[in-house]
Amino acid sequence: TMATPDARAIRALRPDALVGVEGPVATTTLQPVLADHPRLVFPRAE
């Protein structure tokens, strides 16, 4: 999930974008994925 992502599995898929909604995201866990510079789209959806 946004709060508990599996960074290894995500990076292995070579995504060019990560999507979700505005909210808590485990960015520290996702650092290996973010290092590949995927586009991020997390709009507000309250």
All heavy atoms as atom14 arrays in JSON, in Angstrom:
{
  "sequence": "TMATPDARAIRALRPDALVGVEGPVATTTLQPVLADHPRLVFPRAE",
  "atom14_mask": [
    [1, 1, 1, 1, 1, 1, 1, 0, 0, 0, 0, 0, 0, 0],
    [1, 1, 1, 1, 1, 1, 1, 1, 0, 0, 0, 0, 0, 0],
    [1, 1, 1, 1, 1, 0, 0, 0, 0, 0, 0, 0, 0, 0],
    [1, 1, 1, 1, 1, 1, 1, 0, 0, 0, 0, 0, 0, 0],
    [1, 1, 1, 1, 1, 1, 1, 0, 0, 0, 0, 0, 0, 0],
    [1, 1, 1, 1, 1, 1, 1, 1, 0, 0, 0, 0, 0, 0],
    [1, 1, 1, 1, 1, 0, 0, 0, 0, 0, 0, 0, 0, 0],
    [1, 1, 1, 1, 1, 1, 1, 1, 1, 1, 1, 0, 0, 0],
    [1, 1, 1, 1, 1, 0, 0, 0, 0, 0, 0, 0, 0, 0],
    [1, 1, 1, 1, 1, 1, 1, 1, 0, 0, 0, 0, 0, 0],
    [1, 1, 1, 1, 1, 1, 1, 1, 1, 1, 1, 0, 0, 0],
    [1, 1, 1, 1, 1, 0, 0, 0, 0, 0, 0, 0, 0, 0],
    [1, 1, 1, 1, 1, 1, 1, 1, 0, 0, 0, 0, 0, 0],
    [1, 1, 1, 1, 1, 1, 1, 1, 1, 1, 1, 0, 0, 0],
    [1, 1, 1, 1, 1, 1, 1, 0, 0, 0, 0, 0, 0, 0],
    [1, 1, 1, 1, 1, 1, 1, 1, 0, 0, 0, 0, 0, 0],
    [1, 1, 1, 1, 1, 0, 0, 0, 0, 0, 0, 0, 0, 0],
    [1, 1, 1, 1, 1, 1, 1, 1, 0, 0, 0, 0, 0, 0],
    [1, 1, 1, 1, 1, 1, 1, 0, 0, 0, 0, 0, 0, 0],
    [1, 1, 1, 1, 0, 0, 0, 0, 0, 0, 0, 0, 0, 0],
    [1, 1, 1, 1, 1, 1, 1, 0, 0, 0, 0, 0, 0, 0],
    [1, 1, 1, 1, 1, 1, 1, 1, 1, 0, 0, 0, 0, 0],
    [1, 1, 1, 1, 0, 0, 0, 0, 0, 0, 0, 0, 0, 0],
    [1, 1, 1, 1, 1, 1, 1, 0, 0, 0, 0, 0, 0, 0],
    [1, 1, 1, 1, 1, 1, 1, 0, 0, 0, 0, 0, 0, 0],
    [1, 1, 1, 1, 1, 0, 0, 0, 0, 0, 0, 0, 0, 0],
    [1, 1, 1, 1, 1, 1, 1, 0, 0, 0, 0, 0, 0, 0],
    [1, 1, 1, 1, 1, 1, 1, 0, 0, 0, 0, 0, 0, 0],
    [1, 1, 1, 1, 1, 1, 1, 0, 0, 0, 0, 0, 0, 0],
    [1, 1, 1, 1, 1, 1, 1, 1, 0, 0, 0, 0, 0, 0],
    [1, 1, 1, 1, 1, 1, 1, 1, 1, 0, 0, 0, 0, 0],
    [1, 1, 1, 1, 1, 1, 1, 0, 0, 0, 0, 0, 0, 0],
    [1, 1, 1, 1, 1, 1, 1, 0, 0, 0, 0, 0, 0, 0],
    [1, 1, 1, 1, 1, 1, 1, 1, 0, 0, 0, 0, 0, 0],
    [1, 1, 1, 1, 1, 0, 0, 0, 0, 0, 0, 0, 0, 0],
    [1, 1, 1, 1, 1, 1, 1, 1, 0, 0, 0, 0, 0, 0],
    [1, 1, 1, 1, 1, 1, 1, 1, 1, 1, 0, 0, 0, 0],
    [1, 1, 1, 1, 1, 1, 1, 0, 0, 0, 0, 0, 0, 0],
    [1, 1, 1, 1, 1, 1, 1, 1, 1, 1, 1, 0, 0, 0],
    [1, 1, 1, 1, 1, 1, 1, 1, 0, 0, 0, 0, 0, 0],
    [1, 1, 1, 1, 1, 1, 1, 0, 0, 0, 0, 0, 0, 0],
    [1, 1, 1, 1, 1, 1, 1, 1, 1, 1, 1, 0, 0, 0],
    [1, 1, 1, 1, 1, 1, 1, 0, 0, 0, 0, 0, 0, 0],
    [1, 1, 1, 1, 1, 1, 1, 1, 1, 1, 1, 0, 0, 0],
    [1, 1, 1, 1, 1, 0, 0, 0, 0, 0, 0, 0, 0, 0],
    [1, 1, 1, 1, 1, 1, 1, 1, 1, 0, 0, 0, 0, 0]
  ],
  "atom14_positions": [
    [[0.84, -1.19, 0.0], [0.0, 0.0, 0.0], [0.88, 1.24, 0.0], [2.12, 1.14, 0.01], [-0.89, 0.03, 1.25], [-0.06, 0.21, 2.4], [-1.68, -1.27, 1.39], [0.0, 0.0, 0.0], [0.0, 0.0, 0.0], [0.0, 0.0, 0.0], [0.0, 0.0, 0.0], [0.0, 0.0, 0.0], [0.0, 0.0, 0.0], [0.0, 0.0, 0.0]],
    [[0.26, 2.4, 0.02], [1.03, 3.64, 0.1], [1.87, 3.68, 1.37], [3.01, 4.15, 1.36], [0.09, 4.85, 0.05], [-0.49, 5.1, -1.32], [-1.86, 6.3, -1.35], [-1.21, 7.65, -0.37], [0.0, 0.0, 0.0], [0.0, 0.0, 0.0], [0.0, 0.0, 0.0], [0.0, 0.0, 0.0], [0.0, 0.0, 0.0], [0.0, 0.0, 0.0]],
    [[1.33, 3.16, 2.46], [2.04, 3.2, 3.74], [3.0, 2.02, 3.91], [3.96, 2.11, 4.67], [1.05, 3.23, 4.9], [0.0, 0.0, 0.0], [0.0, 0.0, 0.0], [0.0, 0.0, 0.0], [0.0, 0.0, 0.0], [0.0, 0.0, 0.0], [0.0, 0.0, 0.0], [0.0, 0.0, 0.0], [0.0, 0.0, 0.0], [0.0, 0.0, 0.0]],
    [[2.73, 0.92, 3.21], [3.57, -0.28, 3.35], [3.9, -0.86, 1.98], [3.51, -1.99, 1.65], [2.86, -1.34, 4.21], [1.6, -1.68, 3.61], [2.63, -0.84, 5.64], [0.0, 0.0, 0.0], [0.0, 0.0, 0.0], [0.0, 0.0, 0.0], [0.0, 0.0, 0.0], [0.0, 0.0, 0.0], [0.0, 0.0, 0.0], [0.0, 0.0, 0.0]],
    [[4.63, -0.13, 1.15], [4.93, -0.62, -0.19], [6.04, -1.66, -0.18], [6.92, -1.64, 0.67], [5.38, 0.64, -0.93], [6.0, 1.48, 0.16], [5.19, 1.21, 1.39], [0.0, 0.0, 0.0], [0.0, 0.0, 0.0], [0.0, 0.0, 0.0], [0.0, 0.0, 0.0], [0.0, 0.0, 0.0], [0.0, 0.0, 0.0], [0.0, 0.0, 0.0]],
    [[5.99, -2.56, -1.16], [7.06, -3.54, -1.36], [8.01, -2.97, -2.41], [7.83, -3.18, -3.61], [6.46, -4.87, -1.82], [7.5, -5.98, -1.95], [8.7, -5.67, -2.07], [7.09, -7.16, -1.95], [0.0, 0.0, 0.0], [0.0, 0.0, 0.0], [0.0, 0.0, 0.0], [0.0, 0.0, 0.0], [0.0, 0.0, 0.0], [0.0, 0.0, 0.0]],
    [[9.0, -2.23, -1.95], [9.87, -1.49, -2.87], [10.63, -2.42, -3.82], [10.81, -2.11, -5.0], [10.86, -0.63, -2.08], [0.0, 0.0, 0.0], [0.0, 0.0, 0.0], [0.0, 0.0, 0.0], [0.0, 0.0, 0.0], [0.0, 0.0, 0.0], [0.0, 0.0, 0.0], [0.0, 0.0, 0.0], [0.0, 0.0, 0.0], [0.0, 0.0, 0.0]],
    [[11.08, -3.56, -3.32], [11.84, -4.48, -4.17], [10.98, -4.99, -5.32], [11.41, -5.03, -6.48], [12.36, -5.65, -3.34], [13.16, -6.66, -4.16], [13.73, -7.76, -3.28], [14.69, -7.23, -2.32], [15.38, -7.98, -1.47], [15.18, -9.3, -1.42], [16.24, -7.43, -0.64], [0.0, 0.0, 0.0], [0.0, 0.0, 0.0], [0.0, 0.0, 0.0]],
    [[9.74, -5.38, -4.99], [8.84, -5.89, -6.03], [8.48, -4.79, -7.03], [8.4, -5.04, -8.24], [7.58, -6.46, -5.4], [0.0, 0.0, 0.0], [0.0, 0.0, 0.0], [0.0, 0.0, 0.0], [0.0, 0.0, 0.0], [0.0, 0.0, 0.0], [0.0, 0.0, 0.0], [0.0, 0.0, 0.0], [0.0, 0.0, 0.0], [0.0, 0.0, 0.0]],
    [[8.28, -3.58, -6.53], [7.93, -2.47, -7.41], [9.07, -2.15, -8.36], [8.88, -2.01, -9.57], [7.55, -1.22, -6.59], [6.27, -1.48, -5.79], [7.38, 0.0, -7.5], [5.93, -0.38, -4.8], [0.0, 0.0, 0.0], [0.0, 0.0, 0.0], [0.0, 0.0, 0.0], [0.0, 0.0, 0.0], [0.0, 0.0, 0.0], [0.0, 0.0, 0.0]],
    [[10.27, -2.06, -7.82], [11.41, -1.7, -8.68], [11.66, -2.77, -9.74], [12.05, -2.44, -10.88], [12.66, -1.51, -7.82], [13.78, -0.82, -8.61], [14.99, -0.57, -7.77], [15.92, 0.31, -8.48], [17.19, 0.47, -8.15], [17.68, -0.16, -7.09], [17.96, 1.28, -8.85], [0.0, 0.0, 0.0], [0.0, 0.0, 0.0], [0.0, 0.0, 0.0]],
    [[11.44, -4.04, -9.4], [11.66, -5.12, -10.36], [10.73, -5.01, -11.57], [11.05, -5.53, -12.65], [11.47, -6.47, -9.67], [0.0, 0.0, 0.0], [0.0, 0.0, 0.0], [0.0, 0.0, 0.0], [0.0, 0.0, 0.0], [0.0, 0.0, 0.0], [0.0, 0.0, 0.0], [0.0, 0.0, 0.0], [0.0, 0.0, 0.0], [0.0, 0.0, 0.0]],
    [[9.61, -4.32, -11.4], [8.66, -4.17, -12.49], [9.0, -3.02, -13.43], [8.32, -2.8, -14.43], [7.25, -3.96, -11.91], [6.66, -5.18, -11.2], [5.46, -4.77, -10.36], [6.27, -6.24, -12.22], [0.0, 0.0, 0.0], [0.0, 0.0, 0.0], [0.0, 0.0, 0.0], [0.0, 0.0, 0.0], [0.0, 0.0, 0.0], [0.0, 0.0, 0.0]],
    [[10.01, -2.22, -13.08], [10.49, -1.1, -13.89], [9.35, -0.13, -14.27], [9.14, 0.18, -15.45], [11.18, -1.6, -15.16], [12.41, -2.43, -14.91], [13.05, -2.97, -16.16], [12.2, -3.97, -16.8], [11.5, -3.75, -17.91], [11.53, -2.57, -18.5], [10.76, -4.7, -18.43], [0.0, 0.0, 0.0], [0.0, 0.0, 0.0], [0.0, 0.0, 0.0]],
    [[8.63, 0.38, -13.28], [7.52, 1.29, -13.61], [8.02, 2.64, -14.09], [9.09, 3.12, -13.67], [6.8, 1.44, -12.26], [7.87, 1.26, -11.25], [8.78, 0.2, -11.82], [0.0, 0.0, 0.0], [0.0, 0.0, 0.0], [0.0, 0.0, 0.0], [0.0, 0.0, 0.0], [0.0, 0.0, 0.0], [0.0, 0.0, 0.0], [0.0, 0.0, 0.0]],
    [[7.27, 3.26, -14.98], [7.58, 4.64, -15.35], [6.7, 5.64, -14.62], [6.85, 6.84, -14.79], [7.49, 4.85, -16.87], [6.15, 4.43, -17.46], [5.19, 4.21, -16.69], [6.07, 4.31, -18.69], [0.0, 0.0, 0.0], [0.0, 0.0, 0.0], [0.0, 0.0, 0.0], [0.0, 0.0, 0.0], [0.0, 0.0, 0.0], [0.0, 0.0, 0.0]],
    [[5.78, 5.13, -13.77], [4.93, 6.03, -12.97], [4.39, 5.28, -11.76], [4.09, 4.08, -11.83], [3.78, 6.57, -13.8], [0.0, 0.0, 0.0], [0.0, 0.0, 0.0], [0.0, 0.0, 0.0], [0.0, 0.0, 0.0], [0.0, 0.0, 0.0], [0.0, 0.0, 0.0], [0.0, 0.0, 0.0], [0.0, 0.0, 0.0], [0.0, 0.0, 0.0]],
    [[4.28, 6.01, -10.65], [3.6, 5.53, -9.45], [2.39, 6.43, -9.24], [2.49, 7.65, -9.33], [4.49, 5.62, -8.21], [5.81, 4.85, -8.2], [6.5, 5.05, -6.85], [5.58, 3.38, -8.46], [0.0, 0.0, 0.0], [0.0, 0.0, 0.0], [0.0, 0.0, 0.0], [0.0, 0.0, 0.0], [0.0, 0.0, 0.0], [0.0, 0.0, 0.0]],
    [[1.24, 5.82, -8.93], [0.03, 6.6, -8.71], [-0.62, 6.2, -7.4], [-0.43, 5.1, -6.89], [-0.98, 6.43, -9.87], [-0.39, 6.91, -11.18], [-1.44, 4.98, -10.0], [0.0, 0.0, 0.0], [0.0, 0.0, 0.0], [0.0, 0.0, 0.0], [0.0, 0.0, 0.0], [0.0, 0.0, 0.0], [0.0, 0.0, 0.0], [0.0, 0.0, 0.0]],
    [[-1.4, 7.14, -6.86], [-2.13, 6.91, -5.62], [-3.02, 8.1, -5.39], [-3.51, 8.72, -6.34], [0.0, 0.0, 0.0], [0.0, 0.0, 0.0], [0.0, 0.0, 0.0], [0.0, 0.0, 0.0], [0.0, 0.0, 0.0], [0.0, 0.0, 0.0], [0.0, 0.0, 0.0], [0.0, 0.0, 0.0], [0.0, 0.0, 0.0], [0.0, 0.0, 0.0]],
    [[-3.23, 8.44, -4.13], [-3.96, 9.64, -3.75], [-3.12, 10.37, -2.7], [-2.23, 9.79, -2.08], [-5.36, 9.32, -3.19], [-6.24, 8.71, -4.27], [-5.27, 8.42, -1.98], [0.0, 0.0, 0.0], [0.0, 0.0, 0.0], [0.0, 0.0, 0.0], [0.0, 0.0, 0.0], [0.0, 0.0, 0.0], [0.0, 0.0, 0.0], [0.0, 0.0, 0.0]],
    [[-3.43, 11.65, -2.51], [-2.7, 12.41, -1.5], [-2.93, 11.78, -0.13], [-4.06, 11.51, 0.27], [-3.19, 13.85, -1.5], [-2.45, 14.72, -0.49], [-3.0, 16.13, -0.47], [-3.0, 16.76, -1.54], [-3.42, 16.59, 0.6], [0.0, 0.0, 0.0], [0.0, 0.0, 0.0], [0.0, 0.0, 0.0], [0.0, 0.0, 0.0], [0.0, 0.0, 0.0]],
    [[-1.85, 11.54, 0.59], [-1.96, 10.9, 1.9], [-0.61, 10.38, 2.35], [0.41, 10.6, 1.7], [0.0, 0.0, 0.0], [0.0, 0.0, 0.0], [0.0, 0.0, 0.0], [0.0, 0.0, 0.0], [0.0, 0.0, 0.0], [0.0, 0.0, 0.0], [0.0, 0.0, 0.0], [0.0, 0.0, 0.0], [0.0, 0.0, 0.0], [0.0, 0.0, 0.0]],
    [[-0.59, 9.65, 3.46], [0.67, 9.14, 4.0], [1.32, 8.13, 3.05], [0.68, 7.17, 2.63], [0.24, 8.46, 5.3], [-1.08, 9.05, 5.63], [-1.74, 9.35, 4.32], [0.0, 0.0, 0.0], [0.0, 0.0, 0.0], [0.0, 0.0, 0.0], [0.0, 0.0, 0.0], [0.0, 0.0, 0.0], [0.0, 0.0, 0.0], [0.0, 0.0, 0.0]],
    [[2.57, 8.38, 2.73], [3.33, 7.49, 1.85], [4.69, 7.2, 2.49], [5.35, 8.12, 2.98], [3.55, 8.12, 0.46], [4.35, 7.17, -0.42], [2.23, 8.46, -0.19], [0.0, 0.0, 0.0], [0.0, 0.0, 0.0], [0.0, 0.0, 0.0], [0.0, 0.0, 0.0], [0.0, 0.0, 0.0], [0.0, 0.0, 0.0], [0.0, 0.0, 0.0]],
    [[5.1, 5.96, 2.45], [6.39, 5.57, 3.04], [7.5, 5.89, 2.06], [8.07, 5.01, 1.41], [6.38, 4.09, 3.4], [0.0, 0.0, 0.0], [0.0, 0.0, 0.0], [0.0, 0.0, 0.0], [0.0, 0.0, 0.0], [0.0, 0.0, 0.0], [0.0, 0.0, 0.0], [0.0, 0.0, 0.0], [0.0, 0.0, 0.0], [0.0, 0.0, 0.0]],
    [[7.84, 7.16, 1.94], [8.83, 7.59, 0.96], [10.22, 7.03, 1.26], [11.01, 6.79, 0.34], [8.89, 9.12, 0.89], [9.03, 9.65, 2.21], [7.62, 9.67, 0.27], [0.0, 0.0, 0.0], [0.0, 0.0, 0.0], [0.0, 0.0, 0.0], [0.0, 0.0, 0.0], [0.0, 0.0, 0.0], [0.0, 0.0, 0.0], [0.0, 0.0, 0.0]],
    [[10.54, 6.84, 2.53], [11.85, 6.26, 2.87], [11.97, 4.86, 2.3], [12.98, 4.49, 1.68], [12.05, 6.24, 4.39], [11.99, 7.58, 4.89], [13.41, 5.64, 4.75], [0.0, 0.0, 0.0], [0.0, 0.0, 0.0], [0.0, 0.0, 0.0], [0.0, 0.0, 0.0], [0.0, 0.0, 0.0], [0.0, 0.0, 0.0], [0.0, 0.0, 0.0]],
    [[10.94, 4.06, 2.48], [10.93, 2.69, 1.94], [11.03, 2.71, 0.42], [11.65, 1.83, -0.19], [9.64, 1.97, 2.37], [9.56, 1.97, 3.79], [9.62, 0.54, 1.87], [0.0, 0.0, 0.0], [0.0, 0.0, 0.0], [0.0, 0.0, 0.0], [0.0, 0.0, 0.0], [0.0, 0.0, 0.0], [0.0, 0.0, 0.0], [0.0, 0.0, 0.0]],
    [[10.43, 3.7, -0.21], [10.38, 3.77, -1.67], [11.61, 4.4, -2.31], [11.67, 4.51, -3.53], [9.14, 4.56, -2.11], [7.8, 3.83, -2.01], [6.66, 4.8, -2.26], [7.73, 2.67, -3.0], [0.0, 0.0, 0.0], [0.0, 0.0, 0.0], [0.0, 0.0, 0.0], [0.0, 0.0, 0.0], [0.0, 0.0, 0.0], [0.0, 0.0, 0.0]],
    [[12.61, 4.79, -1.52], [13.78, 5.46, -2.08], [14.43, 4.7, -3.24], [14.8, 5.31, -4.24], [14.8, 5.75, -0.98], [14.49, 6.97, -0.13], [14.24, 8.21, -0.97], [15.03, 8.55, -1.85], [13.13, 8.88, -0.7], [0.0, 0.0, 0.0], [0.0, 0.0, 0.0], [0.0, 0.0, 0.0], [0.0, 0.0, 0.0], [0.0, 0.0, 0.0]],
    [[14.61, 3.37, -3.16], [15.19, 2.66, -4.3], [14.37, 2.81, -5.57], [14.92, 2.86, -6.68], [15.22, 1.19, -3.83], [15.22, 1.28, -2.35], [14.37, 2.47, -2.02], [0.0, 0.0, 0.0], [0.0, 0.0, 0.0], [0.0, 0.0, 0.0], [0.0, 0.0, 0.0], [0.0, 0.0, 0.0], [0.0, 0.0, 0.0], [0.0, 0.0, 0.0]],
    [[13.05, 2.88, -5.42], [12.18, 3.07, -6.58], [12.27, 4.49, -7.09], [12.39, 4.74, -8.3], [10.71, 2.74, -6.21], [9.8, 2.95, -7.42], [10.6, 1.31, -5.7], [0.0, 0.0, 0.0], [0.0, 0.0, 0.0], [0.0, 0.0, 0.0], [0.0, 0.0, 0.0], [0.0, 0.0, 0.0], [0.0, 0.0, 0.0], [0.0, 0.0, 0.0]],
    [[12.24, 5.46, -6.18], [12.28, 6.87, -6.57], [13.6, 7.23, -7.22], [13.67, 8.19, -8.01], [12.04, 7.74, -5.34], [10.69, 7.54, -4.63], [10.59, 8.45, -3.41], [9.53, 7.77, -5.59], [0.0, 0.0, 0.0], [0.0, 0.0, 0.0], [0.0, 0.0, 0.0], [0.0, 0.0, 0.0], [0.0, 0.0, 0.0], [0.0, 0.0, 0.0]],
    [[14.65, 6.48, -6.92], [15.95, 6.74, -7.54], [15.9, 6.53, -9.05], [16.74, 7.07, -9.78], [17.0, 5.83, -6.92], [0.0, 0.0, 0.0], [0.0, 0.0, 0.0], [0.0, 0.0, 0.0], [0.0, 0.0, 0.0], [0.0, 0.0, 0.0], [0.0, 0.0, 0.0], [0.0, 0.0, 0.0], [0.0, 0.0, 0.0], [0.0, 0.0, 0.0]],
    [[14.94, 5.76, -9.52], [14.78, 5.54, -10.97], [13.93, 6.62, -11.63], [13.67, 6.56, -12.83], [14.14, 4.16, -11.21], [15.04, 3.02, -10.77], [16.27, 3.19, -10.78], [14.5, 1.96, -10.38], [0.0, 0.0, 0.0], [0.0, 0.0, 0.0], [0.0, 0.0, 0.0], [0.0, 0.0, 0.0], [0.0, 0.0, 0.0], [0.0, 0.0, 0.0]],
    [[13.47, 7.58, -10.84], [12.73, 8.77, -11.32], [11.42, 8.44, -12.06], [11.17, 8.98, -13.14], [13.62, 9.62, -12.21], [14.91, 10.02, -11.56], [14.96, 10.87, -10.47], [16.19, 9.65, -11.81], [16.22, 11.02, -10.1], [16.98, 10.29, -10.88], [0.0, 0.0, 0.0], [0.0, 0.0, 0.0], [0.0, 0.0, 0.0], [0.0, 0.0, 0.0]],
    [[10.58, 7.59, -11.5], [9.25, 7.43, -12.1], [8.43, 8.69, -11.87], [8.68, 9.44, -10.92], [8.66, 6.25, -11.33], [9.3, 6.35, -9.99], [10.71, 6.82, -10.25], [0.0, 0.0, 0.0], [0.0, 0.0, 0.0], [0.0, 0.0, 0.0], [0.0, 0.0, 0.0], [0.0, 0.0, 0.0], [0.0, 0.0, 0.0], [0.0, 0.0, 0.0]],
    [[7.47, 8.93, -12.71], [6.56, 10.05, -12.48], [5.63, 9.7, -11.31], [5.25, 8.55, -11.13], [5.76, 10.35, -13.74], [6.58, 11.15, -14.75], [5.81, 11.36, -16.03], [5.89, 10.18, -16.88], [5.27, 10.07, -18.05], [4.49, 11.05, -18.47], [5.41, 9.0, -18.78], [0.0, 0.0, 0.0], [0.0, 0.0, 0.0], [0.0, 0.0, 0.0]],
    [[5.29, 10.7, -10.52], [4.44, 10.52, -9.35], [3.15, 11.3, -9.52], [3.19, 12.51, -9.73], [5.16, 10.99, -8.08], [6.54, 10.4, -7.81], [7.14, 11.03, -6.55], [6.47, 8.89, -7.68], [0.0, 0.0, 0.0], [0.0, 0.0, 0.0], [0.0, 0.0, 0.0], [0.0, 0.0, 0.0], [0.0, 0.0, 0.0], [0.0, 0.0, 0.0]],
    [[2.03, 10.63, -9.4], [0.72, 11.3, -9.5], [-0.11, 10.85, -8.3], [-0.61, 9.73, -8.25], [0.0, 10.95, -10.82], [-1.38, 11.6, -10.86], [0.83, 11.42, -12.01], [0.0, 0.0, 0.0], [0.0, 0.0, 0.0], [0.0, 0.0, 0.0], [0.0, 0.0, 0.0], [0.0, 0.0, 0.0], [0.0, 0.0, 0.0], [0.0, 0.0, 0.0]],
    [[-0.22, 11.75, -7.31], [-0.94, 11.48, -6.07], [-1.88, 12.66, -5.78], [-1.64, 13.46, -4.89], [0.04, 11.3, -4.91], [0.79, 9.99, -4.94], [1.82, 9.79, -5.85], [0.47, 8.97, -4.07], [2.51, 8.59, -5.89], [1.16, 7.77, -4.09], [2.18, 7.58, -5.01], [0.0, 0.0, 0.0], [0.0, 0.0, 0.0], [0.0, 0.0, 0.0]],
    [[-2.96, 12.79, -6.55], [-3.85, 13.94, -6.38], [-4.71, 13.82, -5.13], [-4.92, 12.75, -4.57], [-4.72, 13.9, -7.64], [-4.74, 12.46, -7.99], [-3.39, 11.92, -7.63], [0.0, 0.0, 0.0], [0.0, 0.0, 0.0], [0.0, 0.0, 0.0], [0.0, 0.0, 0.0], [0.0, 0.0, 0.0], [0.0, 0.0, 0.0], [0.0, 0.0, 0.0]],
    [[-5.23, 14.96, -4.7], [-6.13, 15.0, -3.56], [-7.44, 14.3, -3.95], [-7.95, 14.5, -5.05], [-6.41, 16.45, -3.18], [-7.35, 16.64, -1.99], [-7.53, 18.12, -1.68], [-8.51, 18.35, -0.64], [-8.24, 18.29, 0.66], [-7.01, 18.03, 1.06], [-9.18, 18.5, 1.56], [0.0, 0.0, 0.0], [0.0, 0.0, 0.0], [0.0, 0.0, 0.0]],
    [[-7.99, 13.49, -3.04], [-9.24, 12.79, -3.32], [-10.06, 12.65, -2.05], [-10.55, 11.58, -1.72], [-8.96, 11.42, -3.93], [0.0, 0.0, 0.0], [0.0, 0.0, 0.0], [0.0, 0.0, 0.0], [0.0, 0.0, 0.0], [0.0, 0.0, 0.0], [0.0, 0.0, 0.0], [0.0, 0.0, 0.0], [0.0, 0.0, 0.0], [0.0, 0.0, 0.0]],
    [[-10.22, 13.75, -1.32], [-10.98, 13.72, -0.07], [-12.48, 13.79, -0.33], [-13.25, 13.06, 0.28], [-10.55, 14.89, 0.82], [-9.15, 14.75, 1.38], [-9.06, 13.69, 2.46], [-10.08, 13.41, 3.1], [-7.97, 13.13, 2.64], [0.0, 0.0, 0.0], [0.0, 0.0, 0.0], [0.0, 0.0, 0.0], [0.0, 0.0, 0.0], [0.0, 0.0, 0.0]]
  ]
}
